[in-house]
């Protein structure tokens, strides 16, 4: 049951992020994919840095 709840939280968070990407793209005349890629790159760089420190 806990796993299902965690999956729902992750899905909800991703949907909220996707909405923000669409809002940014619309406001700035870019694509939502641009913002998704920027976020993914940022997240990956942070994960790499955390592993290098550990």
PDB file of N, CA and C in Angstrom:
ATOM      1  N   UNK A   1       0.823  -1.193   0.000  1.00  0.00           N
ATOM      2  CA  UNK A   1       0.000   0.000   0.000  1.00  0.00           C
ATOM      3  C   UNK A   1       0.866   1.255   0.000  1.00  0.00           C
ATOM      4  N   UNK A   2       1.964   1.237   0.762  1.00  0.00           N
ATOM      5  CA  UNK A   2       2.842   2.400   0.833  1.00  0.00           C
ATOM      6  C   UNK A   2       3.443   2.706  -0.526  1.00  0.00           C
ATOM      7  N   UNK A   3       3.810   1.662  -1.260  1.00  0.00           N
ATOM      8  CA  UNK A   3       4.409   1.853  -2.587  1.00  0.00           C
ATOM      9  C   UNK A   3       3.438   2.572  -3.524  1.00  0.00           C
ATOM     10  N   UNK A   4       2.181   2.216  -3.467  1.00  0.00           N
ATOM     11  CA  UNK A   4       1.171   2.854  -4.311  1.00  0.00           C
ATOM     12  C   UNK A   4       1.069   4.332  -3.958  1.00  0.00           C
ATOM     13  N   UNK A   5       1.084   4.640  -2.675  1.00  0.00           N
ATOM     14  CA  UNK A   5       0.997   6.032  -2.243  1.00  0.00           C
ATOM     15  C   UNK A   5       2.225   6.818  -2.715  1.00  0.00           C
ATOM     16  N   UNK A   6       3.405   6.221  -2.609  1.00  0.00           N
ATOM     17  CA  UNK A   6       4.629   6.882  -3.073  1.00  0.00           C
ATOM     18  C   UNK A   6       4.553   7.146  -4.569  1.00  0.00           C
ATOM     19  N   UNK A   7       4.070   6.173  -5.328  1.00  0.00           N
ATOM     20  CA  UNK A   7       3.928   6.353  -6.770  1.00  0.00           C
ATOM     21  C   UNK A   7       2.957   7.480  -7.088  1.00  0.00           C
ATOM     22  N   UNK A   8       1.876   7.580  -6.328  1.00  0.00           N
ATOM     23  CA  UNK A   8       0.906   8.652  -6.549  1.00  0.00           C
ATOM     24  C   UNK A   8       1.509  10.013  -6.251  1.00  0.00           C
ATOM     25  N   UNK A   9       2.329  10.090  -5.214  1.00  0.00           N
ATOM     26  CA  UNK A   9       2.986  11.356  -4.869  1.00  0.00           C
ATOM     27  C   UNK A   9       3.950  11.754  -5.980  1.00  0.00           C
ATOM     28  N   UNK A  10       4.737  10.805  -6.467  1.00  0.00           N
ATOM     29  CA  UNK A  10       5.684  11.093  -7.541  1.00  0.00           C
ATOM     30  C   UNK A  10       4.948  11.538  -8.794  1.00  0.00           C
ATOM     31  N   UNK A  11       3.888  10.833  -9.146  1.00  0.00           N
ATOM     32  CA  UNK A  11       3.106  11.188 -10.330  1.00  0.00           C
ATOM     33  C   UNK A  11       2.512  12.577 -10.186  1.00  0.00           C
ATOM     34  N   UNK A  12       1.983  12.887  -9.013  1.00  0.00           N
ATOM     35  CA  UNK A  12       1.398  14.200  -8.770  1.00  0.00           C
ATOM     36  C   UNK A  12       2.451  15.297  -8.883  1.00  0.00           C
ATOM     37  N   UNK A  13       3.623  15.057  -8.324  1.00  0.00           N
ATOM     38  CA  UNK A  13       4.707  16.030  -8.395  1.00  0.00           C
ATOM     39  C   UNK A  13       5.145  16.245  -9.838  1.00  0.00           C
ATOM     40  N   UNK A  14       5.246  15.162 -10.598  1.00  0.00           N
ATOM     41  CA  UNK A  14       5.648  15.279 -11.997  1.00  0.00           C
ATOM     42  C   UNK A  14       4.598  16.054 -12.792  1.00  0.00           C
ATOM     43  N   UNK A  15       3.328  15.842 -12.510  1.00  0.00           N
ATOM     44  CA  UNK A  15       2.273  16.560 -13.216  1.00  0.00           C
ATOM     45  C   UNK A  15       2.332  18.044 -12.889  1.00  0.00           C
ATOM     46  N   UNK A  16       2.631  18.373 -11.639  1.00  0.00           N
ATOM     47  CA  UNK A  16       2.752  19.782 -11.266  1.00  0.00           C
ATOM     48  C   UNK A  16       3.936  20.425 -11.981  1.00  0.00           C
ATOM     49  N   UNK A  17       5.057  19.704 -12.049  1.00  0.00           N
ATOM     50  CA  UNK A  17       6.224  20.226 -12.754  1.00  0.00           C
ATOM     51  C   UNK A  17       5.913  20.438 -14.227  1.00  0.00           C
ATOM     52  N   UNK A  18       5.243  19.455 -14.823  1.00  0.00           N
ATOM     53  CA  UNK A  18       4.914  19.571 -16.238  1.00  0.00           C
ATOM     54  C   UNK A  18       4.047  20.794 -16.497  1.00  0.00           C
ATOM     55  N   UNK A  19       3.133  21.077 -15.581  1.00  0.00           N
ATOM     56  CA  UNK A  19       2.305  22.269 -15.711  1.00  0.00           C
ATOM     57  C   UNK A  19       3.144  23.536 -15.647  1.00  0.00           C
ATOM     58  N   UNK A  20       4.133  23.535 -14.778  1.00  0.00           N
ATOM     59  CA  UNK A  20       5.026  24.701 -14.678  1.00  0.00           C
ATOM     60  C   UNK A  20       5.846  24.875 -15.947  1.00  0.00           C
ATOM     61  N   UNK A  21       6.302  23.751 -16.511  1.00  0.00           N
ATOM     62  CA  UNK A  21       7.065  23.837 -17.759  1.00  0.00           C
ATOM     63  C   UNK A  21       6.206  24.433 -18.865  1.00  0.00           C
ATOM     64  N   UNK A  22       4.960  24.019 -18.920  1.00  0.00           N
ATOM     65  CA  UNK A  22       4.050  24.562 -19.933  1.00  0.00           C
ATOM     66  C   UNK A  22       3.812  26.050 -19.708  1.00  0.00           C
ATOM     67  N   UNK A  23       3.658  26.444 -18.444  1.00  0.00           N
ATOM     68  CA  UNK A  23       3.461  27.861 -18.125  1.00  0.00           C
ATOM     69  C   UNK A  23       4.679  28.698 -18.522  1.00  0.00           C
ATOM     70  N   UNK A  24       5.875  28.213 -18.191  1.00  0.00           N
ATOM     71  CA  UNK A  24       7.103  28.922 -18.559  1.00  0.00           C
ATOM     72  C   UNK A  24       7.233  29.038 -20.072  1.00  0.00           C
ATOM     73  N   UNK A  25       6.983  27.941 -20.757  1.00  0.00           N
ATOM     74  CA  UNK A  25       7.100  27.935 -22.215  1.00  0.00           C
ATOM     75  C   UNK A  25       6.134  28.934 -22.833  1.00  0.00           C
ATOM     76  N   UNK A  26       4.936  28.955 -22.341  1.00  0.00           N
ATOM     77  CA  UNK A  26       3.931  29.874 -22.870  1.00  0.00           C
ATOM     78  C   UNK A  26       4.310  31.330 -22.588  1.00  0.00           C
ATOM     79  N   UNK A  27       4.760  31.592 -21.383  1.00  0.00           N
ATOM     80  CA  UNK A  27       5.093  32.968 -20.994  1.00  0.00           C
ATOM     81  C   UNK A  27       6.330  33.491 -21.716  1.00  0.00           C
ATOM     82  N   UNK A  28       7.278  32.598 -22.001  1.00  0.00           N
ATOM     83  CA  UNK A  28       8.548  33.046 -22.565  1.00  0.00           C
ATOM     84  C   UNK A  28       8.732  32.695 -24.039  1.00  0.00           C
ATOM     85  N   UNK A  29       7.722  32.090 -24.629  1.00  0.00           N
ATOM     86  CA  UNK A  29       7.796  31.769 -26.047  1.00  0.00           C
ATOM     87  C   UNK A  29       8.813  30.681 -26.371  1.00  0.00           C
ATOM     88  N   UNK A  30       8.970  29.726 -25.470  1.00  0.00           N
ATOM     89  CA  UNK A  30       9.890  28.613 -25.689  1.00  0.00           C
ATOM     90  C   UNK A  30       9.081  27.321 -25.691  1.00  0.00           C
ATOM     91  N   UNK A  31       9.771  26.200 -25.591  1.00  0.00           N
ATOM     92  CA  UNK A  31       9.066  24.922 -25.525  1.00  0.00           C
ATOM     93  C   UNK A  31       9.149  24.363 -24.105  1.00  0.00           C
ATOM     94  N   UNK A  32       8.167  23.553 -23.761  1.00  0.00           N
ATOM     95  CA  UNK A  32       8.185  22.888 -22.458  1.00  0.00           C
ATOM     96  C   UNK A  32       9.361  21.925 -22.378  1.00  0.00           C
ATOM     97  N   UNK A  33       9.738  21.341 -23.513  1.00  0.00           N
ATOM     98  CA  UNK A  33      10.873  20.414 -23.518  1.00  0.00           C
ATOM     99  C   UNK A  33      12.165  21.105 -23.101  1.00  0.00           C
ATOM    100  N   UNK A  34      12.323  22.364 -23.458  1.00  0.00           N
ATOM    101  CA  UNK A  34      13.505  23.112 -23.034  1.00  0.00           C
ATOM    102  C   UNK A  34      13.603  23.112 -21.514  1.00  0.00           C
ATOM    103  N   UNK A  35      12.517  23.438 -20.841  1.00  0.00           N
ATOM    104  CA  UNK A  35      12.517  23.524 -19.388  1.00  0.00           C
ATOM    105  C   UNK A  35      12.660  22.149 -18.753  1.00  0.00           C
ATOM    106  N   UNK A  36      12.065  21.133 -19.367  1.00  0.00           N
ATOM    107  CA  UNK A  36      12.219  19.770 -18.856  1.00  0.00           C
ATOM    108  C   UNK A  36      13.672  19.327 -18.961  1.00  0.00           C
ATOM    109  N   UNK A  37      14.308  19.625 -20.082  1.00  0.00           N
ATOM    110  CA  UNK A  37      15.707  19.249 -20.272  1.00  0.00           C
ATOM    111  C   UNK A  37      16.633  20.003 -19.318  1.00  0.00           C
ATOM    112  N   UNK A  38      16.357  21.272 -19.107  1.00  0.00           N
ATOM    113  CA  UNK A  38      17.160  22.044 -18.154  1.00  0.00           C
ATOM    114  C   UNK A  38      17.050  21.449 -16.748  1.00  0.00           C
ATOM    115  N   UNK A  39      15.828  21.098 -16.340  1.00  0.00           N
ATOM    116  CA  UNK A  39      15.636  20.506 -15.014  1.00  0.00           C
ATOM    117  C   UNK A  39      16.328  19.158 -14.909  1.00  0.00           C
ATOM    118  N   UNK A  40      16.201  18.332 -15.936  1.00  0.00           N
ATOM    119  CA  UNK A  40      16.830  17.010 -15.915  1.00  0.00           C
ATOM    120  C   UNK A  40      18.351  17.132 -15.840  1.00  0.00           C
ATOM    121  N   UNK A  41      18.910  18.078 -16.587  1.00  0.00           N
ATOM    122  CA  UNK A  41      20.355  18.301 -16.562  1.00  0.00           C
ATOM    123  C   UNK A  41      20.800  18.758 -15.178  1.00  0.00           C
ATOM    124  N   UNK A  42      20.068  19.671 -14.597  1.00  0.00           N
ATOM    125  CA  UNK A  42      20.367  20.168 -13.249  1.00  0.00           C
ATOM    126  C   UNK A  42      20.327  19.029 -12.237  1.00  0.00           C
ATOM    127  N   UNK A  43      19.265  18.226 -12.277  1.00  0.00           N
ATOM    128  CA  UNK A  43      19.123  17.116 -11.337  1.00  0.00           C
ATOM    129  C   UNK A  43      20.262  16.116 -11.491  1.00  0.00           C
ATOM    130  N   UNK A  44      20.620  15.792 -12.727  1.00  0.00           N
ATOM    131  CA  UNK A  44      21.697  14.837 -12.979  1.00  0.00           C
ATOM    132  C   UNK A  44      23.039  15.382 -12.494  1.00  0.00           C
ATOM    133  N   UNK A  45      23.315  16.647 -12.765  1.00  0.00           N
ATOM    134  CA  UNK A  45      24.569  17.248 -12.299  1.00  0.00           C
ATOM    135  C   UNK A  45      24.666  17.228 -10.782  1.00  0.00           C
ATOM    136  N   UNK A  46      23.567  17.503 -10.105  1.00  0.00           N
ATOM    137  CA  UNK A  46      23.568  17.469  -8.641  1.00  0.00           C
ATOM    138  C   UNK A  46      23.818  16.060  -8.129  1.00  0.00           C
ATOM    139  N   UNK A  47      23.210  15.067  -8.766  1.00  0.00           N
ATOM    140  CA  UNK A  47      23.412  13.673  -8.349  1.00  0.00           C
ATOM    141  C   UNK A  47      24.864  13.257  -8.550  1.00  0.00           C
ATOM    142  N   UNK A  48      25.453  13.660  -9.661  1.00  0.00           N
ATOM    143  CA  UNK A  48      26.861  13.333  -9.930  1.00  0.00           C
ATOM    144  C   UNK A  48      27.755  13.959  -8.869  1.00  0.00           C
ATOM    145  N   UNK A  49      27.529  15.212  -8.550  1.00  0.00           N
ATOM    146  CA  UNK A  49      28.332  15.898  -7.541  1.00  0.00           C
ATOM    147  C   UNK A  49      28.185  15.256  -6.169  1.00  0.00           C
ATOM    148  N   UNK A  50      26.975  14.830  -5.817  1.00  0.00           N
ATOM    149  CA  UNK A  50      26.770  14.166  -4.523  1.00  0.00           C
ATOM    150  C   UNK A  50      27.547  12.855  -4.453  1.00  0.00           C
ATOM    151  N   UNK A  51      27.589  12.126  -5.539  1.00  0.00           N
ATOM    152  CA  UNK A  51      28.337  10.865  -5.556  1.00  0.00           C
ATOM    153  C   UNK A  51      29.836  11.093  -5.484  1.00  0.00           C
ATOM    154  N   UNK A  52      30.319  12.159  -6.084  1.00  0.00           N
ATOM    155  CA  UNK A  52      31.744  12.450  -6.051  1.00  0.00           C
ATOM    156  C   UNK A  52      32.181  12.835  -4.652  1.00  0.00           C
ATOM    157  N   UNK A  53      31.325  13.485  -3.910  1.00  0.00           N
ATOM    158  CA  UNK A  53      31.649  13.909  -2.546  1.00  0.00           C
ATOM    159  C   UNK A  53      31.636  12.710  -1.608  1.00  0.00           C
ATOM    160  N   UNK A  54      30.726  11.800  -1.809  1.00  0.00           N
ATOM    161  CA  UNK A  54      30.554  10.651  -0.897  1.00  0.00           C
ATOM    162  C   UNK A  54      31.689   9.672  -0.964  1.00  0.00           C
TER     163      UNK A  54
END
